[in-house]
Amino acid sequence: MLSMFFDSVLLFFKGKLFKDPMKVVIRGVIGVGVVIIICVGLTQIGLSFGLAAIIGGFIGSALQPLLFKDLQFA
């Protein structure tokens, strides 16, 4: 199982894991951007950074299946 993980990571960095690697990068950046906006917004309204990070991480992880649902492997 560990070798499968390392093989996938190697293919990812070679650009051969997905048919369109830029689509993966763009959608990953969108997900990170959403989490940052949520965390900053929640801290601005008075929540502690720890609680804002937990809420932002939960929402970001719930958003990932929607962002990556139509990606195709090479």
N, C-alpha and C. Protein backbone atom coordinates (compact mmCIF):
# COMPACT_ATOMS: atom_id res chain seq x y z
N MET A 1 0.83 -1.18 0.00
CA MET A 1 0.00 0.00 0.00
C MET A 1 0.87 1.25 0.00
N LEU A 2 1.96 1.21 0.76
CA LEU A 2 2.85 2.36 0.80
C LEU A 2 3.53 2.58 -0.54
N SER A 3 3.85 1.51 -1.25
CA SER A 3 4.48 1.66 -2.56
C SER A 3 3.50 2.26 -3.56
N MET A 4 2.21 1.92 -3.44
CA MET A 4 1.20 2.51 -4.32
C MET A 4 1.10 4.01 -4.08
N PHE A 5 1.19 4.42 -2.83
CA PHE A 5 1.17 5.84 -2.49
C PHE A 5 2.36 6.55 -3.12
N PHE A 6 3.55 5.99 -2.95
CA PHE A 6 4.74 6.63 -3.51
C PHE A 6 4.72 6.65 -5.04
N ASP A 7 4.18 5.60 -5.65
CA ASP A 7 4.05 5.60 -7.11
C ASP A 7 3.10 6.69 -7.58
N SER A 8 2.00 6.89 -6.86
CA SER A 8 1.04 7.94 -7.22
C SER A 8 1.65 9.32 -7.05
N VAL A 9 2.40 9.51 -5.97
CA VAL A 9 3.06 10.80 -5.74
C VAL A 9 4.07 11.07 -6.85
N LEU A 10 4.83 10.06 -7.22
CA LEU A 10 5.82 10.21 -8.29
C LEU A 10 5.15 10.56 -9.62
N LEU A 11 4.05 9.88 -9.94
CA LEU A 11 3.32 10.19 -11.17
C LEU A 11 2.73 11.60 -11.12
N PHE A 12 2.27 12.02 -9.94
CA PHE A 12 1.71 13.36 -9.81
C PHE A 12 2.76 14.42 -10.11
N PHE A 13 3.95 14.27 -9.53
CA PHE A 13 4.98 15.28 -9.74
C PHE A 13 5.60 15.22 -11.13
N LYS A 14 5.47 14.09 -11.81
CA LYS A 14 5.90 14.02 -13.20
C LYS A 14 4.83 14.59 -14.14
N GLY A 15 3.61 14.80 -13.61
CA GLY A 15 2.53 15.34 -14.42
C GLY A 15 1.80 14.28 -15.22
N LYS A 16 1.90 13.02 -14.79
CA LYS A 16 1.29 11.92 -15.55
C LYS A 16 0.16 11.22 -14.80
N LEU A 17 -0.27 11.74 -13.66
CA LEU A 17 -1.33 11.09 -12.89
C LEU A 17 -2.71 11.50 -13.41
N PHE A 18 -2.87 12.77 -13.72
CA PHE A 18 -4.15 13.29 -14.20
C PHE A 18 -4.04 13.69 -15.66
N LYS A 19 -5.17 13.65 -16.37
CA LYS A 19 -5.17 14.07 -17.77
C LYS A 19 -4.89 15.56 -17.89
N ASP A 20 -5.40 16.35 -16.98
CA ASP A 20 -5.17 17.79 -16.99
C ASP A 20 -4.65 18.23 -15.62
N PRO A 21 -3.33 18.20 -15.41
CA PRO A 21 -2.78 18.53 -14.09
C PRO A 21 -3.06 19.97 -13.65
N MET A 22 -3.17 20.90 -14.58
CA MET A 22 -3.46 22.28 -14.19
C MET A 22 -4.85 22.42 -13.59
N LYS A 23 -5.78 21.60 -14.04
CA LYS A 23 -7.13 21.62 -13.47
C LYS A 23 -7.08 21.22 -11.99
N VAL A 24 -6.22 20.26 -11.66
CA VAL A 24 -6.06 19.82 -10.27
C VAL A 24 -5.47 20.95 -9.44
N VAL A 25 -4.45 21.60 -9.96
CA VAL A 25 -3.80 22.69 -9.23
C VAL A 25 -4.76 23.85 -9.02
N ILE A 26 -5.49 24.22 -10.06
CA ILE A 26 -6.43 25.34 -9.95
C ILE A 26 -7.51 25.04 -8.93
N ARG A 27 -8.05 23.85 -8.97
CA ARG A 27 -9.11 23.51 -8.02
C ARG A 27 -8.58 23.38 -6.60
N GLY A 28 -7.34 22.95 -6.46
CA GLY A 28 -6.72 22.92 -5.13
C GLY A 28 -6.52 24.31 -4.57
N VAL A 29 -6.10 25.24 -5.42
CA VAL A 29 -5.93 26.63 -5.00
C VAL A 29 -7.28 27.24 -4.64
N ILE A 30 -8.31 26.91 -5.37
CA ILE A 30 -9.65 27.41 -5.05
C ILE A 30 -10.07 26.91 -3.66
N GLY A 31 -9.83 25.64 -3.38
CA GLY A 31 -10.18 25.09 -2.07
C GLY A 31 -9.42 25.75 -0.94
N VAL A 32 -8.12 25.96 -1.13
CA VAL A 32 -7.31 26.62 -0.11
C VAL A 32 -7.77 28.07 0.06
N GLY A 33 -8.09 28.74 -1.03
CA GLY A 33 -8.56 30.12 -0.96
C GLY A 33 -9.86 30.24 -0.18
N VAL A 34 -10.76 29.30 -0.40
CA VAL A 34 -12.04 29.32 0.33
C VAL A 34 -11.80 29.15 1.83
N VAL A 35 -10.90 28.24 2.19
CA VAL A 35 -10.61 28.02 3.61
C VAL A 35 -9.97 29.26 4.23
N ILE A 36 -9.05 29.89 3.52
CA ILE A 36 -8.42 31.11 4.05
C ILE A 36 -9.45 32.21 4.24
N ILE A 37 -10.33 32.39 3.27
CA ILE A 37 -11.37 33.43 3.38
C ILE A 37 -12.28 33.14 4.57
N ILE A 38 -12.65 31.89 4.75
CA ILE A 38 -13.52 31.53 5.88
C ILE A 38 -12.81 31.78 7.20
N CYS A 39 -11.56 31.35 7.31
CA CYS A 39 -10.80 31.53 8.56
C CYS A 39 -10.62 33.01 8.89
N VAL A 40 -10.24 33.81 7.91
CA VAL A 40 -10.06 35.24 8.15
C VAL A 40 -11.39 35.90 8.50
N GLY A 41 -12.44 35.54 7.80
CA GLY A 41 -13.75 36.12 8.09
C GLY A 41 -14.24 35.78 9.49
N LEU A 42 -14.04 34.54 9.89
CA LEU A 42 -14.49 34.15 11.23
C LEU A 42 -13.67 34.80 12.33
N THR A 43 -12.37 34.98 12.10
CA THR A 43 -11.57 35.68 13.11
C THR A 43 -11.91 37.16 13.17
N GLN A 44 -12.33 37.74 12.04
CA GLN A 44 -12.72 39.15 12.02
C GLN A 44 -14.02 39.39 12.80
N ILE A 45 -14.89 38.38 12.84
CA ILE A 45 -16.14 38.59 13.59
C ILE A 45 -16.00 38.21 15.06
N GLY A 46 -14.78 37.79 15.46
CA GLY A 46 -14.54 37.60 16.89
C GLY A 46 -14.28 36.19 17.35
N LEU A 47 -14.32 35.21 16.49
CA LEU A 47 -14.03 33.84 16.92
C LEU A 47 -12.52 33.68 17.12
N SER A 48 -12.15 32.77 17.99
CA SER A 48 -10.72 32.50 18.18
C SER A 48 -10.17 31.83 16.93
N PHE A 49 -8.86 31.97 16.74
CA PHE A 49 -8.24 31.42 15.54
C PHE A 49 -8.37 29.89 15.50
N GLY A 50 -8.26 29.24 16.64
CA GLY A 50 -8.38 27.78 16.69
C GLY A 50 -9.76 27.31 16.23
N LEU A 51 -10.79 27.94 16.72
CA LEU A 51 -12.15 27.58 16.32
C LEU A 51 -12.40 27.91 14.85
N ALA A 52 -11.88 29.04 14.40
CA ALA A 52 -12.03 29.42 12.99
C ALA A 52 -11.31 28.42 12.09
N ALA A 53 -10.15 27.94 12.51
CA ALA A 53 -9.40 26.96 11.73
C ALA A 53 -10.15 25.63 11.66
N ILE A 54 -10.76 25.22 12.73
CA ILE A 54 -11.52 23.98 12.75
C ILE A 54 -12.73 24.09 11.81
N ILE A 55 -13.46 25.18 11.90
CA ILE A 55 -14.63 25.38 11.05
C ILE A 55 -14.22 25.49 9.59
N GLY A 56 -13.17 26.27 9.32
CA GLY A 56 -12.68 26.42 7.94
C GLY A 56 -12.19 25.10 7.37
N GLY A 57 -11.48 24.32 8.18
CA GLY A 57 -11.02 23.01 7.72
C GLY A 57 -12.16 22.06 7.44
N PHE A 58 -13.19 22.09 8.26
CA PHE A 58 -14.35 21.24 8.04
C PHE A 58 -15.06 21.60 6.74
N ILE A 59 -15.27 22.89 6.54
CA ILE A 59 -15.95 23.34 5.32
C ILE A 59 -15.09 23.05 4.09
N GLY A 60 -13.78 23.27 4.21
CA GLY A 60 -12.87 23.00 3.09
C GLY A 60 -12.82 21.53 2.74
N SER A 61 -12.82 20.67 3.75
CA SER A 61 -12.80 19.24 3.45
C SER A 61 -14.13 18.76 2.89
N ALA A 62 -15.22 19.40 3.27
CA ALA A 62 -16.52 19.05 2.69
C ALA A 62 -16.62 19.54 1.24
N LEU A 63 -15.86 20.58 0.90
CA LEU A 63 -15.89 21.14 -0.44
C LEU A 63 -15.05 20.32 -1.43
N GLN A 64 -14.06 19.58 -0.97
CA GLN A 64 -13.15 18.85 -1.85
C GLN A 64 -13.85 17.87 -2.80
N PRO A 65 -14.80 17.05 -2.36
CA PRO A 65 -15.46 16.16 -3.32
C PRO A 65 -16.19 16.91 -4.44
N LEU A 66 -16.72 18.07 -4.14
CA LEU A 66 -17.39 18.85 -5.17
C LEU A 66 -16.38 19.42 -6.17
N LEU A 67 -15.22 19.83 -5.69
CA LEU A 67 -14.20 20.40 -6.57
C LEU A 67 -13.57 19.34 -7.46
N PHE A 68 -13.34 18.15 -6.91
CA PHE A 68 -12.58 17.13 -7.63
C PHE A 68 -13.43 16.01 -8.21
N LYS A 69 -14.74 16.21 -8.32
CA LYS A 69 -15.61 15.12 -8.75
C LYS A 69 -15.42 14.70 -10.21
N ASP A 70 -15.03 15.61 -11.08
CA ASP A 70 -14.94 15.26 -12.49
C ASP A 70 -13.52 15.22 -13.03
N LEU A 71 -12.54 15.03 -12.15
CA LEU A 71 -11.15 14.89 -12.60
C LEU A 71 -10.95 13.50 -13.19
N GLN A 72 -10.14 13.42 -14.24
CA GLN A 72 -9.89 12.14 -14.89
C GLN A 72 -8.42 11.78 -14.76
N PHE A 73 -8.17 10.52 -14.45
CA PHE A 73 -6.81 10.03 -14.36
C PHE A 73 -6.30 9.67 -15.75
N ALA A 74 -5.00 9.78 -15.92
CA ALA A 74 -4.39 9.47 -17.22
C ALA A 74 -4.32 7.97 -17.44
